[in-house]
Amino acid sequence: MWCSLNAQELRKLLAAQGCTFENKKGGSGHIVVKHGDRRSELPMHGSRKELGKGLVSRILKDLGLK
């Protein structure tokens, strides 16, 4: 269900779960994702580039969504 996603697709799914987003300072190409008092970083490196399963799992775990 959560594998084979690019960053924009994951962002849409996280938004549907009630997450909020902020641009990370420093222009790193990442955004900070918040869900309640939890937070994680989501790399936004191109629309065609898929995120790895491990990265998606870590982001979900960090946010308490897994």
PDB file of N, CA and C in Angstrom:
ATOM      1  N   MET A   1       0.815  -1.208   0.000  1.00  0.00           N
ATOM      2  CA  MET A   1       0.000   0.000   0.000  1.00  0.00           C
ATOM      3  C   MET A   1       0.854   1.267   0.000  1.00  0.00           C
ATOM      4  N   TRP A   2       1.882   1.313   0.848  1.00  0.00           N
ATOM      5  CA  TRP A   2       2.683   2.533   0.981  1.00  0.00           C
ATOM      6  C   TRP A   2       3.973   2.473   0.177  1.00  0.00           C
ATOM      7  N   CYS A   3       4.222   1.430  -0.594  1.00  0.00           N
ATOM      8  CA  CYS A   3       5.471   1.372  -1.346  1.00  0.00           C
ATOM      9  C   CYS A   3       5.264   1.906  -2.762  1.00  0.00           C
ATOM     10  N   SER A   4       6.348   2.161  -3.459  1.00  0.00           N
ATOM     11  CA  SER A   4       6.336   2.687  -4.822  1.00  0.00           C
ATOM     12  C   SER A   4       5.618   4.032  -4.925  1.00  0.00           C
ATOM     13  N   LEU A   5       5.983   4.935  -4.051  1.00  0.00           N
ATOM     14  CA  LEU A   5       5.408   6.276  -4.053  1.00  0.00           C
ATOM     15  C   LEU A   5       6.494   7.298  -4.344  1.00  0.00           C
ATOM     16  N   ASN A   6       6.132   8.366  -5.043  1.00  0.00           N
ATOM     17  CA  ASN A   6       7.056   9.489  -5.114  1.00  0.00           C
ATOM     18  C   ASN A   6       6.693  10.446  -3.979  1.00  0.00           C
ATOM     19  N   ALA A   7       7.478  11.485  -3.794  1.00  0.00           N
ATOM     20  CA  ALA A   7       7.307  12.383  -2.657  1.00  0.00           C
ATOM     21  C   ALA A   7       5.948  13.086  -2.673  1.00  0.00           C
ATOM     22  N   GLN A   8       5.471  13.486  -3.854  1.00  0.00           N
ATOM     23  CA  GLN A   8       4.176  14.181  -3.931  1.00  0.00           C
ATOM     24  C   GLN A   8       3.024  13.253  -3.545  1.00  0.00           C
ATOM     25  N   GLU A   9       3.091  12.005  -3.974  1.00  0.00           N
ATOM     26  CA  GLU A   9       2.038  11.043  -3.633  1.00  0.00           C
ATOM     27  C   GLU A   9       2.011  10.784  -2.127  1.00  0.00           C
ATOM     28  N   LEU A  10       3.208  10.622  -1.528  1.00  0.00           N
ATOM     29  CA  LEU A  10       3.274  10.404  -0.087  1.00  0.00           C
ATOM     30  C   LEU A  10       2.765  11.631   0.660  1.00  0.00           C
ATOM     31  N   ARG A  11       3.096  12.807   0.158  1.00  0.00           N
ATOM     32  CA  ARG A  11       2.624  14.035   0.808  1.00  0.00           C
ATOM     33  C   ARG A  11       1.090  14.087   0.812  1.00  0.00           C
ATOM     34  N   LYS A  12       0.461  13.722  -0.290  1.00  0.00           N
ATOM     35  CA  LYS A  12      -1.006  13.713  -0.357  1.00  0.00           C
ATOM     36  C   LYS A  12      -1.596  12.717   0.632  1.00  0.00           C
ATOM     37  N   LEU A  13      -0.996  11.531   0.726  1.00  0.00           N
ATOM     38  CA  LEU A  13      -1.489  10.527   1.667  1.00  0.00           C
ATOM     39  C   LEU A  13      -1.313  10.980   3.110  1.00  0.00           C
ATOM     40  N   LEU A  14      -0.177  11.624   3.409  1.00  0.00           N
ATOM     41  CA  LEU A  14       0.055  12.125   4.763  1.00  0.00           C
ATOM     42  C   LEU A  14      -0.919  13.244   5.106  1.00  0.00           C
ATOM     43  N   ALA A  15      -1.205  14.112   4.140  1.00  0.00           N
ATOM     44  CA  ALA A  15      -2.171  15.194   4.369  1.00  0.00           C
ATOM     45  C   ALA A  15      -3.547  14.623   4.681  1.00  0.00           C
ATOM     46  N   ALA A  16      -3.917  13.530   4.013  1.00  0.00           N
ATOM     47  CA  ALA A  16      -5.203  12.886   4.272  1.00  0.00           C
ATOM     48  C   ALA A  16      -5.262  12.285   5.679  1.00  0.00           C
ATOM     49  N   GLN A  17      -4.097  11.991   6.255  1.00  0.00           N
ATOM     50  CA  GLN A  17      -4.016  11.463   7.617  1.00  0.00           C
ATOM     51  C   GLN A  17      -3.962  12.571   8.660  1.00  0.00           C
ATOM     52  N   GLY A  18      -3.999  13.835   8.217  1.00  0.00           N
ATOM     53  CA  GLY A  18      -4.009  14.967   9.143  1.00  0.00           C
ATOM     54  C   GLY A  18      -2.654  15.592   9.405  1.00  0.00           C
ATOM     55  N   CYS A  19      -1.645  15.276   8.603  1.00  0.00           N
ATOM     56  CA  CYS A  19      -0.313  15.856   8.789  1.00  0.00           C
ATOM     57  C   CYS A  19      -0.264  17.276   8.232  1.00  0.00           C
ATOM     58  N   THR A  20       0.628  18.080   8.800  1.00  0.00           N
ATOM     59  CA  THR A  20       0.879  19.424   8.299  1.00  0.00           C
ATOM     60  C   THR A  20       2.325  19.484   7.819  1.00  0.00           C
ATOM     61  N   PHE A  21       2.625  20.489   7.006  1.00  0.00           N
ATOM     62  CA  PHE A  21       3.929  20.567   6.352  1.00  0.00           C
ATOM     63  C   PHE A  21       4.524  21.965   6.495  1.00  0.00           C
ATOM     64  N   GLU A  22       5.848  22.022   6.617  1.00  0.00           N
ATOM     65  CA  GLU A  22       6.600  23.277   6.643  1.00  0.00           C
ATOM     66  C   GLU A  22       7.842  23.104   5.787  1.00  0.00           C
ATOM     67  N   ASN A  23       8.247  24.172   5.128  1.00  0.00           N
ATOM     68  CA  ASN A  23       9.508  24.125   4.392  1.00  0.00           C
ATOM     69  C   ASN A  23      10.647  24.104   5.392  1.00  0.00           C
ATOM     70  N   LYS A  24      11.646  23.283   5.120  1.00  0.00           N
ATOM     71  CA  LYS A  24      12.804  23.225   5.990  1.00  0.00           C
ATOM     72  C   LYS A  24      13.724  24.398   5.670  1.00  0.00           C
ATOM     73  N   LYS A  25      14.223  25.040   6.694  1.00  0.00           N
ATOM     74  CA  LYS A  25      15.109  26.181   6.486  1.00  0.00           C
ATOM     75  C   LYS A  25      16.443  25.710   5.919  1.00  0.00           C
ATOM     76  N   GLY A  26      17.014  26.509   5.061  1.00  0.00           N
ATOM     77  CA  GLY A  26      18.309  26.195   4.486  1.00  0.00           C
ATOM     78  C   GLY A  26      18.232  25.732   3.044  1.00  0.00           C
ATOM     79  N   GLY A  27      17.043  25.612   2.503  1.00  0.00           N
ATOM     80  CA  GLY A  27      16.904  25.252   1.093  1.00  0.00           C
ATOM     81  C   GLY A  27      17.422  23.876   0.756  1.00  0.00           C
ATOM     82  N   SER A  28      17.191  22.897   1.639  1.00  0.00           N
ATOM     83  CA  SER A  28      17.727  21.553   1.434  1.00  0.00           C
ATOM     84  C   SER A  28      16.884  20.702   0.495  1.00  0.00           C
ATOM     85  N   GLY A  29      15.709  21.179   0.111  1.00  0.00           N
ATOM     86  CA  GLY A  29      14.831  20.384  -0.732  1.00  0.00           C
ATOM     87  C   GLY A  29      14.004  19.403   0.066  1.00  0.00           C
ATOM     88  N   HIS A  30      13.962  19.561   1.380  1.00  0.00           N
ATOM     89  CA  HIS A  30      13.162  18.704   2.246  1.00  0.00           C
ATOM     90  C   HIS A  30      12.048  19.533   2.863  1.00  0.00           C
ATOM     91  N   ILE A  31      10.977  18.851   3.282  1.00  0.00           N
ATOM     92  CA  ILE A  31       9.940  19.519   4.049  1.00  0.00           C
ATOM     93  C   ILE A  31       9.795  18.795   5.382  1.00  0.00           C
ATOM     94  N   VAL A  32       9.390  19.534   6.395  1.00  0.00           N
ATOM     95  CA  VAL A  32       9.156  18.966   7.715  1.00  0.00           C
ATOM     96  C   VAL A  32       7.681  18.585   7.781  1.00  0.00           C
ATOM     97  N   VAL A  33       7.418  17.341   8.149  1.00  0.00           N
ATOM     98  CA  VAL A  33       6.059  16.827   8.265  1.00  0.00           C
ATOM     99  C   VAL A  33       5.751  16.697   9.752  1.00  0.00           C
ATOM    100  N   LYS A  34       4.592  17.221  10.174  1.00  0.00           N
ATOM    101  CA  LYS A  34       4.197  17.141  11.578  1.00  0.00           C
ATOM    102  C   LYS A  34       2.865  16.422  11.697  1.00  0.00           C
ATOM    103  N   HIS A  35       2.779  15.576  12.716  1.00  0.00           N
ATOM    104  CA  HIS A  35       1.531  14.876  13.037  1.00  0.00           C
ATOM    105  C   HIS A  35       1.429  14.868  14.558  1.00  0.00           C
ATOM    106  N   GLY A  36       0.607  15.751  15.094  1.00  0.00           N
ATOM    107  CA  GLY A  36       0.546  15.916  16.542  1.00  0.00           C
ATOM    108  C   GLY A  36       1.861  16.483  17.038  1.00  0.00           C
ATOM    109  N   ASP A  37       2.467  15.823  18.009  1.00  0.00           N
ATOM    110  CA  ASP A  37       3.760  16.278  18.532  1.00  0.00           C
ATOM    111  C   ASP A  37       4.930  15.567  17.867  1.00  0.00           C
ATOM    112  N   ARG A  38       4.665  14.759  16.861  1.00  0.00           N
ATOM    113  CA  ARG A  38       5.726  14.022  16.151  1.00  0.00           C
ATOM    114  C   ARG A  38       6.089  14.745  14.866  1.00  0.00           C
ATOM    115  N   ARG A  39       7.321  14.514  14.413  1.00  0.00           N
ATOM    116  CA  ARG A  39       7.781  15.147  13.178  1.00  0.00           C
ATOM    117  C   ARG A  39       8.772  14.261  12.454  1.00  0.00           C
ATOM    118  N   SER A  40       8.874  14.487  11.155  1.00  0.00           N
ATOM    119  CA  SER A  40       9.815  13.772  10.306  1.00  0.00           C
ATOM    120  C   SER A  40      10.144  14.671   9.125  1.00  0.00           C
ATOM    121  N   GLU A  41      11.103  14.257   8.318  1.00  0.00           N
ATOM    122  CA  GLU A  41      11.471  15.017   7.118  1.00  0.00           C
ATOM    123  C   GLU A  41      11.157  14.193   5.883  1.00  0.00           C
ATOM    124  N   LEU A  42      10.626  14.882   4.886  1.00  0.00           N
ATOM    125  CA  LEU A  42      10.289  14.248   3.612  1.00  0.00           C
ATOM    126  C   LEU A  42      11.119  14.912   2.517  1.00  0.00           C
ATOM    127  N   PRO A  43      11.997  14.138   1.845  1.00  0.00           N
ATOM    128  CA  PRO A  43      12.780  14.714   0.754  1.00  0.00           C
ATOM    129  C   PRO A  43      11.892  14.944  -0.472  1.00  0.00           C
ATOM    130  N   MET A  44      12.013  16.113  -1.077  1.00  0.00           N
ATOM    131  CA  MET A  44      11.220  16.467  -2.261  1.00  0.00           C
ATOM    132  C   MET A  44      12.182  16.620  -3.442  1.00  0.00           C
ATOM    133  N   HIS A  45      12.678  15.497  -3.944  1.00  0.00           N
ATOM    134  CA  HIS A  45      13.717  15.503  -4.975  1.00  0.00           C
ATOM    135  C   HIS A  45      13.196  14.987  -6.297  1.00  0.00           C
ATOM    136  N   GLY A  46      12.307  15.688  -6.899  1.00  0.00           N
ATOM    137  CA  GLY A  46      11.830  15.313  -8.221  1.00  0.00           C
ATOM    138  C   GLY A  46      10.569  14.474  -8.186  1.00  0.00           C
ATOM    139  N   SER A  47       9.721  14.683  -9.169  1.00  0.00           N
ATOM    140  CA  SER A  47       8.419  14.022  -9.178  1.00  0.00           C
ATOM    141  C   SER A  47       8.479  12.596  -9.713  1.00  0.00           C
ATOM    142  N   ARG A  48       9.496  12.250 -10.463  1.00  0.00           N
ATOM    143  CA  ARG A  48       9.580  10.908 -11.052  1.00  0.00           C
ATOM    144  C   ARG A  48      10.379   9.941 -10.194  1.00  0.00           C
ATOM    145  N   LYS A  49      11.018  10.452  -9.161  1.00  0.00           N
ATOM    146  CA  LYS A  49      11.875   9.629  -8.332  1.00  0.00           C
ATOM    147  C   LYS A  49      11.064   8.989  -7.207  1.00  0.00           C
ATOM    148  N   GLU A  50      11.038   7.659  -7.179  1.00  0.00           N
ATOM    149  CA  GLU A  50      10.291   6.955  -6.146  1.00  0.00           C
ATOM    150  C   GLU A  50      11.101   6.901  -4.857  1.00  0.00           C
ATOM    151  N   LEU A  51      10.394   6.957  -3.747  1.00  0.00           N
ATOM    152  CA  LEU A  51      11.019   6.841  -2.440  1.00  0.00           C
ATOM    153  C   LEU A  51      11.162   5.359  -2.095  1.00  0.00           C
ATOM    154  N   GLY A  52      12.236   5.028  -1.421  1.00  0.00           N
ATOM    155  CA  GLY A  52      12.456   3.639  -1.028  1.00  0.00           C
ATOM    156  C   GLY A  52      11.485   3.193   0.053  1.00  0.00           C
ATOM    157  N   LYS A  53      11.246   1.883   0.130  1.00  0.00           N
ATOM    158  CA  LYS A  53      10.327   1.330   1.132  1.00  0.00           C
ATOM    159  C   LYS A  53      10.795   1.660   2.545  1.00  0.00           C
ATOM    160  N   GLY A  54      12.106   1.577   2.765  1.00  0.00           N
ATOM    161  CA  GLY A  54      12.653   1.862   4.096  1.00  0.00           C
ATOM    162  C   GLY A  54      12.424   3.297   4.523  1.00  0.00           C
ATOM    163  N   LEU A  55      12.586   4.227   3.584  1.00  0.00           N
ATOM    164  CA  LEU A  55      12.370   5.635   3.890  1.00  0.00           C
ATOM    165  C   LEU A  55      10.906   5.899   4.210  1.00  0.00           C
ATOM    166  N   VAL A  56      10.000   5.338   3.414  1.00  0.00           N
ATOM    167  CA  VAL A  56       8.569   5.522   3.661  1.00  0.00           C
ATOM    168  C   VAL A  56       8.200   4.943   5.022  1.00  0.00           C
ATOM    169  N   SER A  57       8.721   3.758   5.341  1.00  0.00           N
ATOM    170  CA  SER A  57       8.446   3.129   6.630  1.00  0.00           C
ATOM    171  C   SER A  57       8.960   3.973   7.785  1.00  0.00           C
ATOM    172  N   ARG A  58      10.162   4.531   7.631  1.00  0.00           N
ATOM    173  CA  ARG A  58      10.739   5.357   8.693  1.00  0.00           C
ATOM    174  C   ARG A  58       9.912   6.610   8.926  1.00  0.00           C
ATOM    175  N   ILE A  59       9.478   7.266   7.850  1.00  0.00           N
ATOM    176  CA  ILE A  59       8.664   8.476   7.973  1.00  0.00           C
ATOM    177  C   ILE A  59       7.349   8.144   8.687  1.00  0.00           C
ATOM    178  N   LEU A  60       6.698   7.057   8.291  1.00  0.00           N
ATOM    179  CA  LEU A  60       5.446   6.652   8.933  1.00  0.00           C
ATOM    180  C   LEU A  60       5.648   6.321  10.401  1.00  0.00           C
ATOM    181  N   LYS A  61       6.747   5.629  10.710  1.00  0.00           N
ATOM    182  CA  LYS A  61       7.043   5.274  12.096  1.00  0.00           C
ATOM    183  C   LYS A  61       7.322   6.531  12.914  1.00  0.00           C
ATOM    184  N   ASP A  62       8.120   7.454  12.370  1.00  0.00           N
ATOM    185  CA  ASP A  62       8.415   8.706  13.066  1.00  0.00           C
ATOM    186  C   ASP A  62       7.142   9.469  13.414  1.00  0.00           C
ATOM    187  N   LEU A  63       6.161   9.404  12.527  1.00  0.00           N
ATOM    188  CA  LEU A  63       4.914  10.148  12.711  1.00  0.00           C
ATOM    189  C   LEU A  63       3.871   9.357  13.496  1.00  0.00           C
ATOM    190  N   GLY A  64       4.168   8.118  13.830  1.00  0.00           N
ATOM    191  CA  GLY A  64       3.241   7.292  14.592  1.00  0.00           C
ATOM    192  C   GLY A  64       2.064   6.802  13.759  1.00  0.00           C
ATOM    193  N   LEU A  65       2.258   6.643  12.465  1.00  0.00           N
ATOM    194  CA  LEU A  65       1.181   6.231  11.567  1.00  0.00           C
ATOM    195  C   LEU A  65       1.283   4.769  11.153  1.00  0.00           C
ATOM    196  N   LYS A  66       2.247   4.044  11.643  1.00  0.00           N
ATOM    197  CA  LYS A  66       2.394   2.651  11.209  1.00  0.00           C
ATOM    198  C   LYS A  66       1.938   1.704  12.280  1.00  0.00           C
TER     199      LYS A  66
END
